[in-house]
Amino acid sequence: MNNVQLLQQPVAPSTCNKPIELYIFIDPLCEKALLMQMTLRKLQVEYGHYFTCRYVLSTELSALNSITSRMKGCVSGAELDITHPALPSIAIKAAELQGKRAGFRYLNKVQEIAVLNTRNINSHATLIEIAQQVNLDMEEFVSDFGSKEAARAFQCDLYLTREMEVDEVPSIVFFNECIEDEGLKVSGSYNYEVYEHILAELLGEELTRQPVPTLDDLFDHFSILTTAEVAEIYSINEQLAERELKKRMLQQKVERIMTDEITLWRAK
């Protein structure tokens, strides 16, 4: 297995009741990160009882101090919109200040808008609208978005990327519950069976799959999915997946969003 190595001085995993923690290093707007999302979602559906995830934003960006000072005009109420490639990452970190689940919701919505390409995802105004759409506390989000804390949190992610010598994104570092053990770094992305094998090796036991949820329950969990993701999770071909999704569209349970390159299905 190429690009897999043990980390001699890993960052300590957080304390939780699941034996494995995944540090997922991504550029949130990178196409490769969106492709890895499909694999990760299937892994969560089948083996989510074994692990938790922490996303580390690894976009190589500069001039964060200047962007933070420019954002003060937006936060103070001036009618000013700015765009910068650092803004989505800072916004994601601002959302995470409201909790891990809030951060996940916000990250997923940012990636959805990026895929659809209907709005400028690097725009301050767009990122504020996204916070409203995922039901964040808006007063808190606007304040955090323009704060040094959110920019510093993003800088910490970049520091962690360098410290753990992650030079390719996406990458995943696997930690087990024993803090003295090394982390296992997997650089790049691989097929599903590779990650399945790594989980089994780290746990030292045969994995037990969770029952596959109904399609309705799947949308309750992820809210928006591609045809390919549904096919991957249920181990069926895309034609059959699309047929099932169209049934739910006729039942007005989901809506279809189409672009020239991808079809998304969103729960109603």
Protein backbone atom coordinates (compact mmCIF):
# COMPACT_ATOMS: atom_id res chain seq x y z
CA MET A 1 0.00 0.00 0.00
CA ASN A 2 1.77 3.15 -1.19
CA ASN A 3 1.84 6.46 0.65
CA VAL A 4 1.03 4.88 4.01
CA GLN A 5 3.30 5.58 6.95
CA LEU A 6 3.39 5.48 10.73
CA LEU A 7 3.70 8.82 12.51
CA GLN A 8 6.28 8.70 15.28
CA GLN A 9 4.93 11.68 17.21
CA PRO A 10 1.20 11.79 16.55
CA VAL A 11 -1.20 14.39 17.80
CA ALA A 12 -3.22 12.89 20.64
CA PRO A 13 -6.72 11.86 19.57
CA SER A 14 -9.67 13.31 21.41
CA THR A 15 -11.27 11.32 24.20
CA CYS A 16 -14.42 9.54 23.01
CA ASN A 17 -16.15 6.20 23.35
CA LYS A 18 -15.20 5.04 19.85
CA PRO A 19 -11.84 3.30 19.46
CA ILE A 20 -10.67 4.99 16.24
CA GLU A 21 -10.39 8.65 15.27
CA LEU A 22 -9.82 9.84 11.72
CA TYR A 23 -8.03 13.12 11.02
CA ILE A 24 -9.19 13.98 7.51
CA PHE A 25 -6.96 16.55 5.78
CA ILE A 26 -8.80 18.28 2.93
CA ASP A 27 -8.97 21.33 0.80
CA PRO A 28 -12.76 21.72 1.18
CA LEU A 29 -13.27 22.99 -2.38
CA CYS A 30 -10.95 20.52 -4.10
CA GLU A 31 -12.56 18.01 -6.45
CA LYS A 32 -10.55 15.20 -4.84
CA ALA A 33 -12.10 16.03 -1.45
CA LEU A 34 -15.57 15.75 -2.95
CA LEU A 35 -14.70 12.35 -4.42
CA MET A 36 -13.33 11.13 -1.09
CA GLN A 37 -16.57 12.24 0.57
CA MET A 38 -18.37 9.41 -1.22
CA THR A 39 -16.01 6.83 0.29
CA LEU A 40 -16.19 8.40 3.75
CA ARG A 41 -19.97 8.42 3.75
CA LYS A 42 -20.14 4.73 2.98
CA LEU A 43 -17.54 4.11 5.70
CA GLN A 44 -19.69 6.08 8.17
CA VAL A 45 -22.84 4.20 7.19
CA GLU A 46 -21.25 0.75 7.58
CA TYR A 47 -18.64 1.30 10.31
CA GLY A 48 -19.46 4.61 11.97
CA HIS A 49 -19.78 2.82 15.32
CA TYR A 50 -16.01 2.33 15.31
CA PHE A 51 -14.72 5.84 14.60
CA THR A 52 -15.16 9.60 14.78
CA CYS A 53 -13.94 12.18 12.27
CA ARG A 54 -12.08 15.44 12.59
CA TYR A 55 -11.68 17.54 9.46
CA VAL A 56 -8.45 19.51 9.12
CA LEU A 57 -8.51 22.27 6.48
CA SER A 58 -5.27 22.09 4.54
CA THR A 59 -5.65 24.73 1.85
CA GLU A 60 -2.36 26.49 1.23
CA LEU A 61 -3.25 30.16 1.59
CA SER A 62 -1.54 33.34 2.68
CA ALA A 63 -2.37 36.86 3.82
CA LEU A 64 -4.85 35.76 6.51
CA ASN A 65 -4.10 38.84 8.59
CA SER A 66 -5.00 41.18 5.76
CA ILE A 67 -8.20 39.29 5.00
CA THR A 68 -9.26 39.42 8.67
CA SER A 69 -8.81 43.18 8.82
CA ARG A 70 -10.74 43.68 5.59
CA MET A 71 -13.61 41.58 6.97
CA LYS A 72 -14.11 44.02 9.84
CA GLY A 73 -15.90 46.31 7.40
CA CYS A 74 -18.44 43.59 6.71
CA VAL A 75 -18.91 42.74 10.37
CA SER A 76 -19.32 46.38 11.41
CA GLY A 77 -22.35 46.69 9.17
CA ALA A 78 -20.86 48.50 6.20
CA GLU A 79 -22.33 47.41 2.88
CA LEU A 80 -19.19 45.73 1.68
CA ASP A 81 -18.70 42.34 0.13
CA ILE A 82 -15.27 40.88 -0.31
CA THR A 83 -14.02 37.75 -2.00
CA HIS A 84 -10.92 35.77 -1.13
CA PRO A 85 -9.98 32.08 -1.41
CA ALA A 86 -9.34 31.97 2.36
CA LEU A 87 -12.90 32.95 3.24
CA PRO A 88 -14.61 29.53 2.91
CA SER A 89 -12.06 27.93 5.24
CA ILE A 90 -12.36 30.72 7.80
CA ALA A 91 -16.16 30.49 7.60
CA ILE A 92 -16.04 26.72 8.22
CA LYS A 93 -13.90 27.29 11.30
CA ALA A 94 -16.34 29.99 12.48
CA ALA A 95 -19.20 27.49 12.10
CA GLU A 96 -17.25 24.88 14.08
CA LEU A 97 -17.19 27.29 17.03
CA GLN A 98 -20.91 26.46 17.36
CA GLY A 99 -20.12 22.74 17.69
CA LYS A 100 -18.90 19.83 15.61
CA ARG A 101 -22.28 19.09 14.05
CA ALA A 102 -22.77 22.71 13.06
CA GLY A 103 -19.34 22.64 11.44
CA PHE A 104 -20.20 19.48 9.49
CA ARG A 105 -23.50 20.98 8.26
CA TYR A 106 -21.75 24.12 7.15
CA LEU A 107 -18.89 22.26 5.43
CA ASN A 108 -21.34 20.08 3.51
CA LYS A 109 -23.34 23.11 2.35
CA VAL A 110 -20.17 24.93 1.24
CA GLN A 111 -19.19 21.90 -0.82
CA GLU A 112 -22.70 21.68 -2.30
CA ILE A 113 -22.60 25.30 -3.45
CA ALA A 114 -19.11 24.78 -4.84
CA VAL A 115 -20.29 21.77 -6.88
CA LEU A 116 -23.36 23.57 -8.22
CA ASN A 117 -21.27 26.67 -9.01
CA THR A 118 -24.36 28.88 -8.88
CA ARG A 119 -22.79 31.46 -6.57
CA ASN A 120 -19.32 32.71 -5.79
CA ILE A 121 -18.28 30.50 -2.89
CA ASN A 122 -15.36 32.84 -2.09
CA SER A 123 -17.78 35.70 -1.39
CA HIS A 124 -18.36 36.92 2.17
CA ALA A 125 -22.05 37.52 1.38
CA THR A 126 -22.52 33.98 0.03
CA LEU A 127 -20.90 32.45 3.10
CA ILE A 128 -23.20 34.47 5.38
CA GLU A 129 -26.22 33.19 3.41
CA ILE A 130 -25.01 29.61 3.84
CA ALA A 131 -24.92 30.07 7.62
CA GLN A 132 -28.58 31.11 7.50
CA GLN A 133 -29.48 28.10 5.34
CA VAL A 134 -27.96 25.61 7.81
CA ASN A 135 -29.62 27.34 10.79
CA LEU A 136 -26.57 28.63 12.62
CA ASP A 137 -26.86 31.29 15.30
CA MET A 138 -26.38 34.24 12.95
CA GLU A 139 -25.28 36.83 15.48
CA GLU A 140 -22.65 34.45 16.80
CA PHE A 141 -21.55 33.36 13.32
CA VAL A 142 -21.13 36.89 11.96
CA SER A 143 -19.12 37.83 15.02
CA ASP A 144 -16.94 34.71 14.84
CA PHE A 145 -16.46 34.98 11.07
CA GLY A 146 -14.81 38.35 11.50
CA SER A 147 -12.85 37.40 14.59
CA LYS A 148 -9.22 36.49 15.06
CA GLU A 149 -10.34 33.22 16.67
CA ALA A 150 -11.71 31.78 13.40
CA ALA A 151 -8.65 32.85 11.41
CA ARG A 152 -6.41 31.46 14.16
CA ALA A 153 -8.30 28.15 14.11
CA PHE A 154 -7.66 27.91 10.38
CA GLN A 155 -4.00 28.73 10.91
CA CYS A 156 -3.87 25.93 13.51
CA ASP A 157 -5.17 23.51 10.88
CA LEU A 158 -2.43 24.61 8.50
CA TYR A 159 0.13 24.21 11.29
CA LEU A 160 -1.16 20.71 12.06
CA THR A 161 -0.86 19.84 8.36
CA ARG A 162 2.79 20.87 8.37
CA GLU A 163 3.53 19.24 11.75
CA MET A 164 2.17 15.89 10.61
CA GLU A 165 3.98 16.25 7.27
CA VAL A 166 0.84 15.95 5.21
CA ASP A 167 2.00 16.98 1.75
CA GLU A 168 -0.94 15.65 -0.25
CA VAL A 169 -4.63 16.32 0.16
CA PRO A 170 -6.89 14.61 0.74
CA SER A 171 -5.11 12.41 3.29
CA ILE A 172 -6.31 10.57 6.39
CA VAL A 173 -4.47 9.83 9.61
CA PHE A 174 -5.91 6.97 11.69
CA PHE A 175 -5.44 6.95 15.47
CA ASN A 176 -6.49 4.20 17.82
CA GLU A 177 -7.52 4.70 21.44
CA CYS A 178 -4.02 4.00 22.78
CA ILE A 179 -2.36 7.40 22.96
CA GLU A 180 1.14 5.87 22.93
CA ASP A 181 0.62 4.19 19.55
CA GLU A 182 1.64 5.83 16.30
CA GLY A 183 -0.88 7.26 13.93
CA LEU A 184 -1.23 5.67 10.50
CA LYS A 185 -1.07 8.23 7.70
CA VAL A 186 -2.63 7.37 4.34
CA SER A 187 -1.66 9.98 1.75
CA GLY A 188 -3.99 10.47 -1.18
CA SER A 189 -7.24 8.65 -1.79
CA TYR A 190 -7.87 4.94 -2.35
CA ASN A 191 -10.76 2.63 -3.01
CA TYR A 192 -13.15 1.71 -0.24
CA GLU A 193 -11.62 -1.68 0.56
CA VAL A 194 -8.30 -0.09 1.57
CA TYR A 195 -9.88 1.97 4.36
CA GLU A 196 -12.00 -1.02 5.41
CA HIS A 197 -8.81 -3.11 5.72
CA ILE A 198 -7.03 -0.40 7.76
CA LEU A 199 -9.92 -0.22 10.24
CA ALA A 200 -9.84 -3.99 10.69
CA GLU A 201 -6.06 -3.97 11.18
CA LEU A 202 -6.17 -1.19 13.78
CA LEU A 203 -9.02 -2.84 15.68
CA GLY A 204 -7.43 -6.28 15.47
CA GLU A 205 -10.77 -7.92 14.77
CA GLU A 206 -13.22 -8.71 12.04
CA LEU A 207 -15.42 -5.70 11.34
CA THR A 208 -19.16 -5.86 11.92
CA ARG A 209 -21.21 -3.85 9.45
CA GLN A 210 -24.13 -1.78 10.67
CA PRO A 211 -27.46 -2.47 8.92
CA VAL A 212 -27.78 -0.29 5.82
CA PRO A 213 -30.36 2.44 6.52
CA THR A 214 -33.40 3.04 4.39
CA LEU A 215 -33.02 5.67 1.72
CA ASP A 216 -35.27 8.02 3.71
CA ASP A 217 -33.07 7.59 6.78
CA LEU A 218 -29.97 8.16 4.66
CA PHE A 219 -31.32 11.53 3.53
CA ASP A 220 -32.18 12.40 7.13
CA HIS A 221 -28.50 11.94 7.93
CA PHE A 222 -26.81 13.52 4.90
CA SER A 223 -29.63 15.72 3.43
CA ILE A 224 -28.01 15.89 -0.03
CA LEU A 225 -26.46 13.07 -2.05
CA THR A 226 -25.29 12.35 -5.57
CA THR A 227 -26.56 9.41 -7.60
CA ALA A 228 -23.07 7.91 -7.40
CA GLU A 229 -23.05 8.16 -3.59
CA VAL A 230 -26.37 6.34 -3.30
CA ALA A 231 -25.13 3.65 -5.67
CA GLU A 232 -21.89 3.28 -3.69
CA ILE A 233 -23.60 3.06 -0.29
CA TYR A 234 -26.11 0.43 -1.42
CA SER A 235 -23.64 -1.41 -3.69
CA ILE A 236 -25.92 -1.07 -6.71
CA ASN A 237 -25.41 0.42 -10.17
CA GLU A 238 -26.23 4.06 -10.84
CA GLN A 239 -29.18 3.22 -13.09
CA LEU A 240 -30.95 1.40 -10.27
CA ALA A 241 -30.03 4.13 -7.80
CA GLU A 242 -31.49 6.79 -10.08
CA ARG A 243 -34.69 4.77 -10.50
CA GLU A 244 -35.18 4.62 -6.72
CA LEU A 245 -34.39 8.32 -6.36
CA LYS A 246 -36.89 9.25 -9.06
CA LYS A 247 -39.58 7.32 -7.17
CA ARG A 248 -38.93 9.48 -4.12
CA MET A 249 -38.93 12.60 -6.28
CA LEU A 250 -42.43 11.67 -7.49
CA GLN A 251 -43.41 11.18 -3.85
CA GLN A 252 -42.03 14.70 -3.22
CA LYS A 253 -39.56 13.38 -0.68
CA VAL A 254 -36.51 14.65 -2.57
CA GLU A 255 -35.78 17.20 -5.25
CA ARG A 256 -33.35 16.81 -8.12
CA ILE A 257 -30.73 19.46 -8.85
CA MET A 258 -28.93 19.03 -12.15
CA THR A 259 -25.85 20.66 -13.64
CA ASP A 260 -23.90 19.82 -16.77
CA GLU A 261 -21.54 17.64 -14.73
CA ILE A 262 -23.46 16.21 -11.76
CA THR A 263 -26.90 15.39 -10.40
CA LEU A 264 -27.68 16.08 -6.75
CA TRP A 265 -30.68 14.91 -4.75
CA ARG A 266 -31.79 16.98 -1.76
CA ALA A 267 -34.25 15.97 0.93
CA LYS A 268 -37.35 18.13 1.07
